[in-house]
N, C-alpha and C. Protein backbone atom coordinates (compact mmCIF):
# COMPACT_ATOMS: atom_id res chain seq x y z
N MET A 1 -102.10 42.31 5.39
CA MET A 1 -103.09 42.02 5.79
C MET A 1 -103.70 40.91 5.56
N LYS A 2 -104.87 40.66 6.69
CA LYS A 2 -105.03 39.31 7.00
C LYS A 2 -106.45 38.76 6.06
N GLN A 3 -107.65 39.98 5.53
CA GLN A 3 -108.88 39.93 5.11
C GLN A 3 -108.94 41.64 4.58
N ALA A 4 -109.81 41.37 3.52
CA ALA A 4 -110.12 42.58 2.93
C ALA A 4 -112.02 42.13 3.28
N VAL A 5 -112.89 43.30 3.74
CA VAL A 5 -113.74 43.37 3.60
C VAL A 5 -114.79 44.98 3.15
N ILE A 6 -115.73 44.39 2.50
CA ILE A 6 -116.81 45.36 2.04
C ILE A 6 -118.47 45.15 2.24
N GLU A 7 -118.55 46.20 3.10
CA GLU A 7 -119.98 45.90 3.41
C GLU A 7 -120.71 46.25 2.10
N CYS A 8 -121.83 45.33 2.17
CA CYS A 8 -122.14 45.40 0.76
C CYS A 8 -123.65 46.16 1.22
N ARG A 9 -123.87 47.48 0.81
CA ARG A 9 -124.54 48.40 1.39
C ARG A 9 -124.21 49.92 0.44
N LEU A 10 -124.92 50.54 0.38
CA LEU A 10 -125.23 51.54 -0.11
C LEU A 10 -124.30 52.57 1.44
N GLY A 11 -123.35 53.16 1.29
CA GLY A 11 -122.83 53.95 2.37
C GLY A 11 -121.48 53.06 3.45
N GLY A 12 -121.66 51.59 2.77
CA GLY A 12 -120.84 50.56 3.11
C GLY A 12 -119.44 50.89 3.08
N ARG A 13 -118.70 50.36 3.96
CA ARG A 13 -117.22 50.49 4.30
C ARG A 13 -116.57 49.46 4.18
N LEU A 14 -115.33 49.89 3.27
CA LEU A 14 -114.25 48.85 2.52
C LEU A 14 -113.00 48.97 3.33
N TYR A 15 -112.45 48.18 4.16
CA TYR A 15 -111.51 47.99 5.01
C TYR A 15 -110.62 46.50 5.03
N SER A 16 -109.61 46.88 5.48
CA SER A 16 -108.57 45.63 5.24
C SER A 16 -108.77 45.01 7.30
N HIS A 17 -109.02 43.75 7.47
CA HIS A 17 -108.43 43.38 8.86
C HIS A 17 -107.04 43.20 8.75
N GLN A 18 -106.27 43.62 9.25
CA GLN A 18 -104.69 43.55 9.20
C GLN A 18 -104.52 42.37 10.64
N VAL A 19 -103.22 41.87 10.47
CA VAL A 19 -102.57 40.77 11.01
C VAL A 19 -102.19 40.91 12.48
N ASP A 20 -102.60 42.32 12.66
CA ASP A 20 -101.90 42.79 14.00
C ASP A 20 -103.18 43.23 14.71
N GLY A 21 -104.37 42.34 14.13
CA GLY A 21 -105.94 42.99 14.68
C GLY A 21 -106.01 44.42 14.87
N THR A 22 -105.64 45.39 13.75
CA THR A 22 -106.48 46.13 13.93
C THR A 22 -107.19 46.12 11.83
N ASP A 23 -107.77 47.69 12.13
CA ASP A 23 -108.60 47.54 10.87
C ASP A 23 -108.27 48.57 10.07
N CYS A 24 -108.40 48.56 8.97
CA CYS A 24 -107.69 49.79 8.42
C CYS A 24 -108.78 50.24 7.25
N PRO A 25 -109.11 51.21 7.29
CA PRO A 25 -110.47 51.77 6.24
C PRO A 25 -109.54 52.32 4.73
N TRP A 26 -110.38 51.51 3.67
CA TRP A 26 -109.49 52.47 2.43
C TRP A 26 -111.13 52.81 1.70
N GLY A 27 -112.20 52.44 1.67
CA GLY A 27 -112.94 53.49 1.03
C GLY A 27 -114.25 53.43 1.58
N SER A 28 -115.50 54.05 0.47
CA SER A 28 -116.85 53.63 1.05
C SER A 28 -117.81 53.60 -0.14
N VAL A 29 -118.76 52.67 -0.09
CA VAL A 29 -119.35 52.37 -1.21
C VAL A 29 -120.28 53.29 -1.63
N THR A 30 -120.47 53.99 -3.24
CA THR A 30 -121.17 54.87 -3.40
C THR A 30 -122.42 54.50 -4.15
N ALA A 31 -122.60 53.27 -4.39
CA ALA A 31 -123.85 52.74 -5.28
C ALA A 31 -123.74 50.85 -5.42
N TRP A 32 -124.77 50.76 -4.76
CA TRP A 32 -124.93 49.80 -4.45
C TRP A 32 -125.74 48.76 -5.53
N GLU A 33 -125.84 47.94 -6.84
CA GLU A 33 -127.09 47.59 -7.70
C GLU A 33 -126.41 46.51 -7.62
N PRO A 34 -127.03 45.32 -7.36
CA PRO A 34 -126.63 43.75 -7.36
C PRO A 34 -127.75 43.44 -8.08
N PRO A 35 -127.45 42.27 -8.67
CA PRO A 35 -126.00 41.92 -8.99
C PRO A 35 -125.09 42.15 -9.99
N HIS A 36 -126.06 43.76 -10.70
CA HIS A 36 -124.86 44.28 -11.56
C HIS A 36 -123.43 45.25 -11.63
N ARG A 37 -123.76 45.86 -10.78
CA ARG A 37 -122.56 46.90 -10.44
C ARG A 37 -122.27 47.52 -8.88
N PHE A 38 -121.23 48.08 -8.66
CA PHE A 38 -120.81 48.45 -7.74
C PHE A 38 -119.50 49.70 -7.82
N VAL A 39 -120.01 50.55 -7.06
CA VAL A 39 -118.74 51.91 -6.92
C VAL A 39 -118.35 51.96 -5.68
N PHE A 40 -117.26 52.23 -5.74
CA PHE A 40 -116.60 52.96 -4.60
C PHE A 40 -115.49 54.07 -4.50
N ALA A 41 -115.53 54.64 -3.65
CA ALA A 41 -114.75 56.07 -3.49
C ALA A 41 -113.39 55.08 -2.94
N TRP A 42 -112.28 55.52 -3.48
CA TRP A 42 -110.91 55.00 -3.55
C TRP A 42 -110.37 55.61 -2.09
N GLN A 43 -110.50 55.76 -1.37
CA GLN A 43 -110.12 56.41 0.34
C GLN A 43 -108.38 56.72 0.20
N ILE A 44 -107.38 56.40 -0.44
CA ILE A 44 -106.37 56.56 -0.68
C ILE A 44 -105.79 57.52 -1.08
N SER A 45 -105.06 57.86 -0.61
CA SER A 45 -104.32 59.46 -1.05
C SER A 45 -102.71 58.78 -1.70
N ALA A 46 -102.23 59.66 -2.70
CA ALA A 46 -101.17 59.26 -3.90
C ALA A 46 -100.40 58.78 -2.21
N SER A 47 -100.07 59.64 -1.50
CA SER A 47 -98.99 58.91 -0.31
C SER A 47 -99.50 57.81 0.46
N TRP A 48 -100.37 57.04 0.29
CA TRP A 48 -100.59 55.73 0.17
C TRP A 48 -101.15 56.24 2.17
N GLN A 49 -102.42 57.23 2.25
CA GLN A 49 -102.68 57.46 3.71
C GLN A 49 -104.31 57.32 3.40
N PHE A 50 -105.66 57.25 4.59
CA PHE A 50 -106.25 57.27 4.47
C PHE A 50 -106.69 58.81 3.83
N GLU A 51 -107.69 59.06 3.11
CA GLU A 51 -108.38 59.92 3.17
C GLU A 51 -109.96 60.34 3.03
N PRO A 52 -110.34 61.27 4.61
CA PRO A 52 -111.57 61.26 4.57
C PRO A 52 -112.44 62.61 3.52
N ASN A 53 -111.91 63.00 3.23
CA ASN A 53 -112.54 64.08 2.07
C ASN A 53 -112.95 63.49 0.71
N MET A 54 -113.96 63.04 0.21
CA MET A 54 -114.18 62.53 -0.55
C MET A 54 -114.27 63.14 -2.09
N SER A 55 -114.24 64.18 -1.80
CA SER A 55 -113.74 65.19 -3.02
C SER A 55 -112.48 65.24 -3.77
N LYS A 56 -111.76 64.59 -2.73
CA LYS A 56 -110.06 64.09 -3.32
C LYS A 56 -109.97 62.86 -3.53
N THR A 57 -110.89 62.30 -3.60
CA THR A 57 -110.63 60.80 -3.99
C THR A 57 -111.44 60.06 -5.42
N SER A 58 -110.35 59.01 -5.71
CA SER A 58 -110.80 58.73 -6.62
C SER A 58 -111.82 57.73 -6.80
N GLU A 59 -112.33 56.75 -7.48
CA GLU A 59 -113.40 56.56 -7.57
C GLU A 59 -113.46 55.16 -8.96
N VAL A 60 -113.66 53.73 -7.97
CA VAL A 60 -113.20 52.47 -9.08
C VAL A 60 -115.34 51.71 -8.94
N GLU A 61 -115.55 51.60 -10.11
CA GLU A 61 -116.55 51.05 -10.44
C GLU A 61 -116.50 49.37 -10.69
N VAL A 62 -116.71 48.68 -10.18
CA VAL A 62 -117.30 46.74 -11.31
C VAL A 62 -118.37 46.48 -11.32
N ILE A 63 -118.14 46.64 -12.51
CA ILE A 63 -119.86 45.97 -13.45
C ILE A 63 -119.52 43.97 -13.78
N PHE A 64 -120.54 44.15 -13.42
CA PHE A 64 -121.15 41.93 -13.61
C PHE A 64 -121.69 41.81 -14.68
N THR A 65 -121.31 40.96 -16.17
CA THR A 65 -121.78 41.01 -17.14
C THR A 65 -122.10 39.31 -17.37
N PRO A 66 -123.46 38.97 -16.76
CA PRO A 66 -123.41 37.42 -17.68
C PRO A 66 -123.22 37.35 -19.06
N GLN A 67 -122.30 36.35 -19.05
CA GLN A 67 -121.95 35.82 -20.04
C GLN A 67 -123.06 34.33 -20.84
N MET A 68 -123.08 34.44 -22.66
CA MET A 68 -123.96 33.47 -22.83
C MET A 68 -123.23 31.94 -22.56
N ASP A 69 -122.00 31.84 -22.39
CA ASP A 69 -121.68 30.30 -21.49
C ASP A 69 -121.85 30.30 -20.24
N GLY A 70 -122.31 31.07 -19.53
CA GLY A 70 -122.83 30.81 -18.35
C GLY A 70 -122.07 31.42 -16.97
N THR A 71 -120.35 31.96 -17.76
CA THR A 71 -119.50 32.86 -17.22
C THR A 71 -120.17 33.97 -16.64
N THR A 72 -119.16 34.97 -15.73
CA THR A 72 -119.68 36.39 -15.67
C THR A 72 -118.57 37.17 -15.87
N ARG A 73 -118.53 38.00 -16.85
CA ARG A 73 -117.32 39.24 -17.18
C ARG A 73 -117.17 40.08 -15.62
N VAL A 74 -116.12 40.40 -15.67
CA VAL A 74 -116.14 41.64 -14.85
C VAL A 74 -115.49 42.41 -15.25
N ASP A 75 -115.83 43.54 -14.94
CA ASP A 75 -115.32 44.74 -15.62
C ASP A 75 -114.41 46.00 -14.36
N LEU A 76 -113.75 46.46 -14.51
CA LEU A 76 -113.16 47.08 -12.74
C LEU A 76 -112.84 48.44 -14.08
N GLU A 77 -113.21 49.82 -13.57
CA GLU A 77 -112.84 50.99 -13.96
C GLU A 77 -112.41 51.71 -12.87
N HIS A 78 -110.82 52.12 -13.05
CA HIS A 78 -110.16 53.08 -11.66
C HIS A 78 -110.45 54.38 -12.01
N ARG A 79 -111.14 55.62 -11.50
CA ARG A 79 -111.06 56.78 -12.21
C ARG A 79 -111.00 58.21 -11.54
N ASN A 80 -110.56 59.05 -11.95
CA ASN A 80 -110.77 60.09 -11.30
C ASN A 80 -109.65 60.87 -10.51
N PHE A 81 -108.33 60.44 -11.00
CA PHE A 81 -107.06 60.23 -10.37
C PHE A 81 -106.80 61.91 -10.44
N GLU A 82 -107.37 62.74 -11.33
CA GLU A 82 -107.05 64.31 -11.20
C GLU A 82 -107.84 64.83 -9.77
N ARG A 83 -108.87 63.97 -9.19
CA ARG A 83 -109.28 64.48 -7.90
C ARG A 83 -108.03 65.02 -6.94
N MET A 84 -107.20 64.20 -6.92
CA MET A 84 -105.95 64.22 -6.12
C MET A 84 -104.90 64.81 -5.94
N ASP A 85 -104.92 65.81 -4.86
CA ASP A 85 -103.94 66.93 -4.40
C ASP A 85 -102.67 66.87 -5.64
N THR A 86 -102.06 65.50 -5.29
CA THR A 86 -100.55 65.64 -6.27
C THR A 86 -100.72 63.86 -6.31
N GLY A 87 -99.95 63.33 -7.10
CA GLY A 87 -99.54 62.29 -7.11
C GLY A 87 -101.05 61.43 -7.78
N GLY A 88 -101.50 61.87 -8.48
CA GLY A 88 -102.60 61.23 -8.99
C GLY A 88 -101.69 59.99 -10.10
N GLU A 89 -101.70 60.57 -10.94
CA GLU A 89 -100.78 59.88 -11.66
C GLU A 89 -99.98 58.76 -11.62
N ALA A 90 -99.02 58.87 -10.51
CA ALA A 90 -98.55 58.27 -10.14
C ALA A 90 -99.40 56.74 -9.22
N MET A 91 -100.58 56.99 -8.41
CA MET A 91 -101.27 56.09 -7.56
C MET A 91 -102.12 55.39 -9.04
N ARG A 92 -102.13 55.97 -10.61
CA ARG A 92 -102.62 55.41 -11.41
C ARG A 92 -101.89 54.01 -11.82
N THR A 93 -100.61 54.83 -12.17
CA THR A 93 -99.44 53.64 -12.11
C THR A 93 -99.65 52.48 -11.60
N SER A 94 -99.72 52.90 -10.62
CA SER A 94 -99.61 51.44 -9.62
C SER A 94 -100.14 50.78 -9.52
N VAL A 95 -101.48 51.16 -9.28
CA VAL A 95 -102.63 50.22 -8.92
C VAL A 95 -102.99 49.43 -10.60
N ASP A 96 -102.48 50.08 -11.85
CA ASP A 96 -102.77 49.56 -13.04
C ASP A 96 -101.42 48.21 -13.26
N GLY A 97 -100.84 48.40 -11.99
CA GLY A 97 -99.44 47.29 -12.14
C GLY A 97 -99.82 46.32 -12.12
N GLY A 98 -99.09 45.14 -12.31
CA GLY A 98 -99.08 43.38 -12.12
C GLY A 98 -99.29 43.75 -9.99
N MET A 99 -98.82 44.03 -9.28
CA MET A 99 -99.72 44.03 -8.01
C MET A 99 -100.44 45.02 -7.39
N GLY A 100 -101.11 45.43 -8.56
CA GLY A 100 -102.81 46.41 -8.19
C GLY A 100 -103.69 45.71 -8.62
N TRP A 101 -104.75 46.28 -9.41
CA TRP A 101 -106.44 45.47 -10.19
C TRP A 101 -105.98 44.56 -10.43
N GLY A 102 -105.38 44.58 -11.61
CA GLY A 102 -105.00 43.35 -12.33
C GLY A 102 -104.90 41.91 -11.68
N GLY A 103 -104.00 41.69 -10.95
CA GLY A 103 -103.68 41.27 -9.80
C GLY A 103 -104.40 40.38 -9.03
N LEU A 104 -105.33 41.55 -8.22
CA LEU A 104 -106.62 41.31 -7.15
C LEU A 104 -107.66 40.54 -7.91
N LEU A 105 -108.03 40.83 -9.86
CA LEU A 105 -109.17 40.36 -10.11
C LEU A 105 -108.72 39.03 -10.46
N GLU A 106 -107.18 38.20 -10.47
CA GLU A 106 -107.16 37.07 -11.21
C GLU A 106 -107.29 36.16 -9.58
N ILE A 107 -106.94 36.94 -8.51
CA ILE A 107 -107.68 36.10 -7.18
C ILE A 107 -108.84 35.98 -7.25
N PHE A 108 -109.74 37.15 -7.32
CA PHE A 108 -111.02 36.50 -7.62
C PHE A 108 -111.42 35.59 -8.07
N ARG A 109 -110.89 35.65 -9.44
CA ARG A 109 -111.11 34.60 -10.67
C ARG A 109 -110.71 33.32 -9.96
N ALA A 110 -109.78 33.15 -9.44
CA ALA A 110 -109.00 32.14 -9.17
C ALA A 110 -109.82 31.05 -7.62
N ARG A 111 -110.31 32.44 -7.15
CA ARG A 111 -111.38 31.93 -5.78
C ARG A 111 -112.63 31.56 -6.14
N VAL A 112 -113.45 32.42 -7.41
CA VAL A 112 -114.39 31.85 -7.70
C VAL A 112 -114.34 30.20 -8.59
N GLU A 113 -113.29 30.02 -9.07
CA GLU A 113 -113.31 29.28 -9.82
C GLU A 113 -113.12 27.78 -8.72
N ALA A 114 -112.36 27.76 -7.81
CA ALA A 114 -112.16 26.72 -7.18
C ALA A 114 -113.93 26.39 -6.36
């Protein structure tokens, strides 16, 4: 992956630009409420393929909360894994690991602080 893209609007796409020049879709914005939060459908199946059927997708909510010291707290919840036909628990374990959302939030923190 070369770059991750979020189209900042309700219905916006989430996708990545790949090194080979292709785009890889992985979600759709379902709530856009700047500067407080956004929610997106995680349109990746348990077999790591794009899932166009929104009733089979999990969901990610990101909340931004201003802190008294001028910083911003970022909370991320990935939920509704039970919607996946099979493998939802394995997906939950995968995105909860060091190479999942925690690692991505660390990259985000470092970019913001730079």
